[in-house]
């Protein structure tokens, strides 16, 4: 069975060097913050594997992955001025295209976007789809504390709907003031708090809230063709859809549909390498197999049972085909 995975990261040294040139703009970290960041990077940052495509191909072949949809890891940060963001992002997308062309049939691409300039971001998305053949975009976190449901970001989503390509929402580090309030404590170490605030829970909760905010903004009434992708089994949201329908009802929201109706119609879920049979079964039950796609989160996650996890599940053969490749081919126009 063909396997396509969607949340697959890589880096390029040229873009890393461009980005690092602006590190002098970074606020000074507290000693405990610097210590925690150093520890977390040493523990989970897969530096060489982000850069090495031969090693990537070997992993794909071993796990019977036919295609990865590539996304470049942090091509720019909030520290990079808008004009430089546009320049660097354009270069990053051109490099992604170069990598795709080196390995025919093995890779597709998600566009990076300069979120500092939404109009330029919309133009870059159009260039990437129409000229480079990309199949959507991946955006992470917030921009300077602003969630993407705010009106200034509408050109990006209008363009995604026009082009009929999905937007994949990915986690990013959450603001320090949020970390301090919700995740840090004198009862455990700063490193524990930092892990809890990031991949342990915090950034997943925030990107889940991001999608709920998008729904409540009425964006799907404005752009009925718009599609989102949410990793890590939906970033905590699917389990709360019924609760949201009860509390955030249409009398309150003024929307045409319930929160769960928008979510189940417009959002597609991936596992991001969390190979949990219970979560797979639950998400298929809640969303339907036609709204689930496959993702490994390589090289941050490197499960060695990518093929077997899906094939050995209790799903029907038709459901396995949908998740393994059919949904991706349909939503990302990969055929």
Protein backbone atom coordinates (compact mmCIF):
# COMPACT_ATOMS: atom_id res chain seq x y z
CA UNK A 1 0.00 0.00 0.00
CA UNK A 2 1.28 3.45 -0.92
CA UNK A 3 2.26 5.69 2.02
CA UNK A 4 2.36 9.50 1.92
CA UNK A 5 3.37 11.43 5.06
CA UNK A 6 2.72 15.14 5.51
CA UNK A 7 4.55 16.68 8.47
CA UNK A 8 8.15 16.05 7.47
CA UNK A 9 10.74 18.67 8.33
CA UNK A 10 14.10 19.55 6.87
CA UNK A 11 16.63 22.34 7.06
CA UNK A 12 19.16 23.95 4.75
CA UNK A 13 22.41 25.48 5.97
CA UNK A 14 22.08 28.51 3.70
CA UNK A 15 18.76 29.47 5.25
CA UNK A 16 19.99 28.68 8.75
CA UNK A 17 22.88 31.10 8.18
CA UNK A 18 20.50 33.78 6.88
CA UNK A 19 18.27 33.36 9.91
CA UNK A 20 21.14 33.30 12.40
CA UNK A 21 22.35 36.66 11.13
CA UNK A 22 19.44 38.24 13.04
CA UNK A 23 20.07 36.47 16.36
CA UNK A 24 21.54 39.68 17.71
CA UNK A 25 17.97 40.97 17.91
CA UNK A 26 17.06 38.25 20.39
CA UNK A 27 16.29 39.40 23.96
CA UNK A 28 18.75 38.24 26.59
CA UNK A 29 17.68 34.97 28.17
CA UNK A 30 17.67 34.41 31.89
CA UNK A 31 20.35 31.88 32.96
CA UNK A 32 17.74 29.21 33.69
CA UNK A 33 16.15 29.79 30.29
CA UNK A 34 19.47 29.39 28.53
CA UNK A 35 20.22 26.22 30.50
CA UNK A 36 16.82 24.73 29.68
CA UNK A 37 17.12 25.61 25.98
CA UNK A 38 20.58 24.04 25.79
CA UNK A 39 19.30 20.86 27.45
CA UNK A 40 16.21 20.60 25.26
CA UNK A 41 18.22 21.14 22.08
CA UNK A 42 20.74 18.47 23.08
CA UNK A 43 17.93 16.07 23.89
CA UNK A 44 15.60 16.43 20.94
CA UNK A 45 17.02 18.59 18.15
CA UNK A 46 17.97 16.30 15.24
CA UNK A 47 20.44 18.68 13.61
CA UNK A 48 22.31 16.44 11.11
CA UNK A 49 19.18 14.50 10.12
CA UNK A 50 17.39 17.71 9.16
CA UNK A 51 20.12 18.37 6.60
CA UNK A 52 20.88 14.85 5.31
CA UNK A 53 18.61 13.73 2.48
CA UNK A 54 20.37 10.42 1.86
CA UNK A 55 19.66 9.41 5.45
CA UNK A 56 16.07 10.60 4.98
CA UNK A 57 15.63 8.41 1.90
CA UNK A 58 17.01 5.42 3.79
CA UNK A 59 14.47 5.96 6.58
CA UNK A 60 11.66 6.29 4.05
CA UNK A 61 12.67 3.11 2.22
CA UNK A 62 13.01 1.14 5.45
CA UNK A 63 9.52 2.22 6.54
CA UNK A 64 7.93 1.87 3.09
CA UNK A 65 7.14 5.58 2.84
CA UNK A 66 6.66 6.44 -0.83
CA UNK A 67 6.48 10.23 -0.45
CA UNK A 68 7.11 12.91 2.16
CA UNK A 69 5.62 16.40 1.96
CA UNK A 70 8.55 18.59 2.99
CA UNK A 71 8.40 21.68 5.17
CA UNK A 72 11.44 23.74 6.10
CA UNK A 73 12.06 24.07 9.85
CA UNK A 74 11.96 27.72 11.02
CA UNK A 75 13.17 29.49 7.89
CA UNK A 76 12.64 32.83 9.66
CA UNK A 77 11.74 33.97 13.16
CA UNK A 78 9.95 37.02 14.52
CA UNK A 79 13.41 38.59 14.87
CA UNK A 80 13.74 38.95 11.09
CA UNK A 81 12.42 42.27 9.67
CA UNK A 82 9.53 42.00 7.19
CA UNK A 83 11.51 42.86 4.05
CA UNK A 84 14.18 40.30 4.92
CA UNK A 85 11.49 37.74 5.72
CA UNK A 86 10.09 38.01 2.20
CA UNK A 87 13.54 37.61 0.65
CA UNK A 88 14.62 34.68 2.84
CA UNK A 89 11.30 32.86 2.53
CA UNK A 90 11.39 33.08 -1.26
CA UNK A 91 14.90 31.63 -1.20
CA UNK A 92 13.79 28.87 1.19
CA UNK A 93 10.94 27.83 -1.08
CA UNK A 94 13.22 27.76 -4.10
CA UNK A 95 15.58 25.47 -2.17
CA UNK A 96 12.67 23.18 -1.28
CA UNK A 97 11.86 22.95 -4.97
CA UNK A 98 15.50 22.05 -5.69
CA UNK A 99 15.32 19.17 -3.21
CA UNK A 100 12.04 17.92 -4.68
CA UNK A 101 13.54 17.90 -8.16
CA UNK A 102 16.61 15.95 -7.01
CA UNK A 103 14.47 12.97 -6.00
CA UNK A 104 11.63 12.65 -8.53
CA UNK A 105 8.48 11.17 -7.06
CA UNK A 106 9.72 11.05 -3.47
CA UNK A 107 8.88 14.54 -2.22
CA UNK A 108 6.26 17.26 -2.44
CA UNK A 109 6.38 20.62 -0.71
CA UNK A 110 4.56 22.89 1.71
CA UNK A 111 5.32 26.57 1.20
CA UNK A 112 6.94 28.72 3.87
CA UNK A 113 5.31 32.14 4.18
CA UNK A 114 6.53 35.55 5.45
CA UNK A 115 3.84 36.08 8.09
CA UNK A 116 5.17 39.58 8.81
CA UNK A 117 3.65 40.67 5.48
CA UNK A 118 0.34 38.87 4.80
CA UNK A 119 -0.09 40.37 1.33
CA UNK A 120 3.39 39.21 0.35
CA UNK A 121 2.64 35.86 1.99
CA UNK A 122 -0.44 35.42 -0.19
CA UNK A 123 1.62 36.26 -3.28
CA UNK A 124 4.32 33.80 -2.25
CA UNK A 125 1.75 31.06 -1.69
CA UNK A 126 0.41 31.63 -5.19
CA UNK A 127 3.93 31.50 -6.64
CA UNK A 128 4.71 28.30 -4.79
CA UNK A 129 1.52 26.56 -5.93
CA UNK A 130 1.38 27.79 -9.52
CA UNK A 131 5.09 27.98 -10.39
CA UNK A 132 6.79 25.52 -8.02
CA UNK A 133 4.00 22.95 -7.82
CA UNK A 134 3.64 22.98 -4.02
CA UNK A 135 0.54 21.50 -2.42
CA UNK A 136 -0.23 23.90 0.45
CA UNK A 137 1.48 25.72 3.27
CA UNK A 138 2.58 25.04 6.84
CA UNK A 139 2.51 27.90 9.33
CA UNK A 140 3.62 27.73 12.95
CA UNK A 141 2.65 29.33 16.22
CA UNK A 142 1.74 33.01 16.15
CA UNK A 143 3.40 36.08 14.71
CA UNK A 144 4.54 38.54 17.38
CA UNK A 145 1.84 37.30 19.72
CA UNK A 146 -0.95 37.61 17.14
CA UNK A 147 -3.10 34.59 16.32
CA UNK A 148 -3.86 34.13 12.65
CA UNK A 149 -7.62 34.67 12.96
CA UNK A 150 -6.91 38.41 13.22
CA UNK A 151 -8.09 40.43 10.17
CA UNK A 152 -4.62 41.36 8.93
CA UNK A 153 -3.89 37.71 8.05
CA UNK A 154 -7.03 37.19 5.94
CA UNK A 155 -5.22 37.55 2.56
CA UNK A 156 -3.32 34.31 3.27
CA UNK A 157 -6.46 32.27 3.88
CA UNK A 158 -8.34 33.89 1.03
CA UNK A 159 -5.51 32.85 -1.29
CA UNK A 160 -5.39 29.29 0.11
CA UNK A 161 -9.11 28.93 -0.53
CA UNK A 162 -8.77 30.40 -4.03
CA UNK A 163 -5.95 27.97 -4.85
CA UNK A 164 -7.77 25.07 -3.13
CA UNK A 165 -4.73 24.12 -1.03
CA UNK A 166 -4.71 23.34 2.72
CA UNK A 167 -3.08 25.24 5.56
CA UNK A 168 -1.23 22.99 8.02
CA UNK A 169 -1.07 24.57 11.49
CA UNK A 170 2.08 23.52 13.33
CA UNK A 171 3.13 24.22 16.94
CA UNK A 172 5.84 26.68 17.90
CA UNK A 173 7.36 27.92 21.14
CA UNK A 174 4.74 29.80 23.13
CA UNK A 175 5.37 33.26 24.63
CA UNK A 176 7.43 33.38 27.80
CA UNK A 177 4.70 35.13 29.78
CA UNK A 178 2.34 32.24 28.99
CA UNK A 179 5.01 29.73 29.98
CA UNK A 180 5.60 31.54 33.27
CA UNK A 181 1.91 31.65 34.18
CA UNK A 182 0.78 28.19 33.15
CA UNK A 183 3.79 25.89 33.07
CA UNK A 184 6.56 27.02 35.42
CA UNK A 185 6.57 26.15 39.12
CA UNK A 186 8.85 26.08 42.13
CA UNK A 187 7.68 22.51 42.74
CA UNK A 188 9.65 21.13 39.76
CA UNK A 189 12.67 22.14 37.71
CA UNK A 190 12.73 24.82 35.05
CA UNK A 191 13.57 22.12 32.50
CA UNK A 192 10.42 20.19 33.41
CA UNK A 193 8.41 23.40 33.01
CA UNK A 194 10.03 24.11 29.65
CA UNK A 195 9.20 20.62 28.38
CA UNK A 196 5.63 20.90 29.67
CA UNK A 197 5.27 24.28 27.97
CA UNK A 198 6.50 22.96 24.63
CA UNK A 199 6.22 19.45 23.21
CA UNK A 200 4.92 18.03 26.49
CA UNK A 201 1.63 19.91 26.22
CA UNK A 202 1.75 23.70 25.96
CA UNK A 203 2.38 24.33 22.30
CA UNK A 204 -0.13 21.62 21.34
CA UNK A 205 -2.82 23.33 23.39
CA UNK A 206 -2.01 26.66 21.77
CA UNK A 207 -2.18 25.43 18.19
CA UNK A 208 -5.46 23.70 19.02
CA UNK A 209 -6.79 27.02 20.30
CA UNK A 210 -5.51 28.59 17.08
CA UNK A 211 -7.87 26.45 14.99
CA UNK A 212 -10.83 27.02 17.32
CA UNK A 213 -10.24 30.77 17.06
CA UNK A 214 -10.22 30.45 13.27
CA UNK A 215 -13.59 28.68 13.40
CA UNK A 216 -15.11 31.26 15.75
CA UNK A 217 -13.91 34.09 13.51
CA UNK A 218 -16.35 32.87 10.84
CA UNK A 219 -13.60 32.16 8.34
CA UNK A 220 -15.33 29.09 6.92
CA UNK A 221 -18.49 31.07 6.19
CA UNK A 222 -16.29 33.57 4.37
CA UNK A 223 -14.24 30.91 2.53
CA UNK A 224 -16.28 27.68 2.30
CA UNK A 225 -13.54 25.94 0.30
CA UNK A 226 -10.83 26.51 2.94
CA UNK A 227 -9.17 23.45 4.48
CA UNK A 228 -6.91 23.09 7.54
CA UNK A 229 -4.65 20.27 8.68
CA UNK A 230 -3.99 19.68 12.38
CA UNK A 231 -1.28 17.33 13.64
CA UNK A 232 -0.74 15.39 16.87
CA UNK A 233 -4.21 13.85 16.61
CA UNK A 234 -5.88 17.27 16.48
CA UNK A 235 -3.90 19.05 19.21
CA UNK A 236 -6.40 18.19 22.01
CA UNK A 237 -9.49 19.61 20.23
CA UNK A 238 -11.48 16.58 18.95
CA UNK A 239 -12.26 15.40 22.49
CA UNK A 240 -13.87 18.77 23.30
CA UNK A 241 -16.03 19.27 20.22
CA UNK A 242 -19.22 18.14 21.93
CA UNK A 243 -18.50 20.43 24.90
CA UNK A 244 -17.83 23.37 22.59
CA UNK A 245 -21.11 22.79 20.74
CA UNK A 246 -22.93 22.96 24.08
CA UNK A 247 -21.21 26.07 25.45
CA UNK A 248 -20.28 27.91 22.25
CA UNK A 249 -23.65 27.35 20.62
CA UNK A 250 -24.89 29.18 17.54
CA UNK A 251 -26.90 31.64 19.61
CA UNK A 252 -23.61 32.77 21.14
CA UNK A 253 -21.37 32.56 18.06
CA UNK A 254 -23.82 33.80 15.43
CA UNK A 255 -22.32 31.30 13.00
CA UNK A 256 -24.21 29.24 10.42
CA UNK A 257 -23.01 25.93 11.85
CA UNK A 258 -21.79 24.44 15.13
CA UNK A 259 -18.10 24.33 16.03
CA UNK A 260 -18.00 20.58 15.48
CA UNK A 261 -19.68 20.85 12.08
CA UNK A 262 -17.05 23.30 10.86
CA UNK A 263 -14.27 21.22 12.39
CA UNK A 264 -15.39 17.92 10.91
CA UNK A 265 -15.97 19.48 7.49
CA UNK A 266 -12.85 21.63 7.14
CA UNK A 267 -10.12 20.10 9.36
CA UNK A 268 -8.00 17.05 8.54
CA UNK A 269 -6.11 15.23 11.29
CA UNK A 270 -2.67 13.59 11.30
CA UNK A 271 -0.83 11.61 14.00
CA UNK A 272 2.53 13.43 13.69
CA UNK A 273 4.36 10.22 14.54
CA UNK A 274 2.33 9.46 17.68
CA UNK A 275 1.66 5.81 16.96
CA UNK A 276 -1.23 5.27 19.37
CA UNK A 277 -3.80 2.68 18.33
CA UNK A 278 -6.34 4.10 20.79
CA UNK A 279 -6.01 7.61 19.35
CA UNK A 280 -6.22 6.31 15.78
CA UNK A 281 -9.44 4.47 16.58
CA UNK A 282 -10.90 7.49 18.40
CA UNK A 283 -10.05 10.03 15.71
CA UNK A 284 -11.46 7.82 12.94
CA UNK A 285 -14.63 7.45 15.00
CA UNK A 286 -14.94 11.22 15.57
CA UNK A 287 -13.76 12.54 12.20
CA UNK A 288 -14.23 9.66 9.78
CA UNK A 289 -11.35 8.06 7.90
CA UNK A 290 -11.84 10.52 5.04
CA UNK A 291 -10.57 13.32 7.32
CA UNK A 292 -7.40 11.59 8.54
CA UNK A 293 -4.01 11.68 6.80
CA UNK A 294 -0.63 10.25 7.72
CA UNK A 295 2.38 12.10 9.17
CA UNK A 296 5.58 11.03 10.92
CA UNK A 297 7.09 14.39 12.01
CA UNK A 298 10.48 13.23 10.74
CA UNK A 299 13.18 13.62 12.02
CA UNK A 300 11.81 14.85 15.35
CA UNK A 301 9.93 11.57 15.51
CA UNK A 302 11.34 8.42 13.88
CA UNK A 303 8.98 5.53 14.63
CA UNK A 304 10.11 2.23 13.16
CA UNK A 305 6.59 0.89 12.62
CA UNK A 306 5.18 3.45 10.21
CA UNK A 307 3.81 0.88 7.76
CA UNK A 308 2.91 -1.78 10.32
CA UNK A 309 1.04 0.62 12.61
CA UNK A 310 -1.53 1.37 9.96
CA UNK A 311 -1.62 -2.05 8.32
CA UNK A 312 -2.02 -3.91 11.62
CA UNK A 313 -4.80 -1.62 12.88
CA UNK A 314 -8.44 -2.68 13.15
CA UNK A 315 -9.46 -0.37 10.32
CA UNK A 316 -10.99 -1.66 7.12
CA UNK A 317 -8.83 -1.90 4.01
CA UNK A 318 -10.71 1.06 2.54
CA UNK A 319 -10.04 3.17 5.66
CA UNK A 320 -6.35 2.25 5.57
CA UNK A 321 -6.10 3.31 1.93
CA UNK A 322 -7.77 6.63 2.68
CA UNK A 323 -5.36 7.44 5.50
CA UNK A 324 -2.25 6.05 3.84
CA UNK A 325 -2.49 8.00 0.59
CA UNK A 326 -5.93 8.59 -0.94
CA UNK A 327 -6.90 11.58 1.26
CA UNK A 328 -3.50 13.22 0.72
CA UNK A 329 -3.71 12.74 -3.02
CA UNK A 330 -7.18 14.29 -3.05
CA UNK A 331 -6.67 17.23 -0.66
CA UNK A 332 -3.10 18.06 -1.73
CA UNK A 333 -3.69 17.33 -5.45
CA UNK A 334 -0.79 14.89 -5.55
CA UNK A 335 -2.06 12.63 -8.33
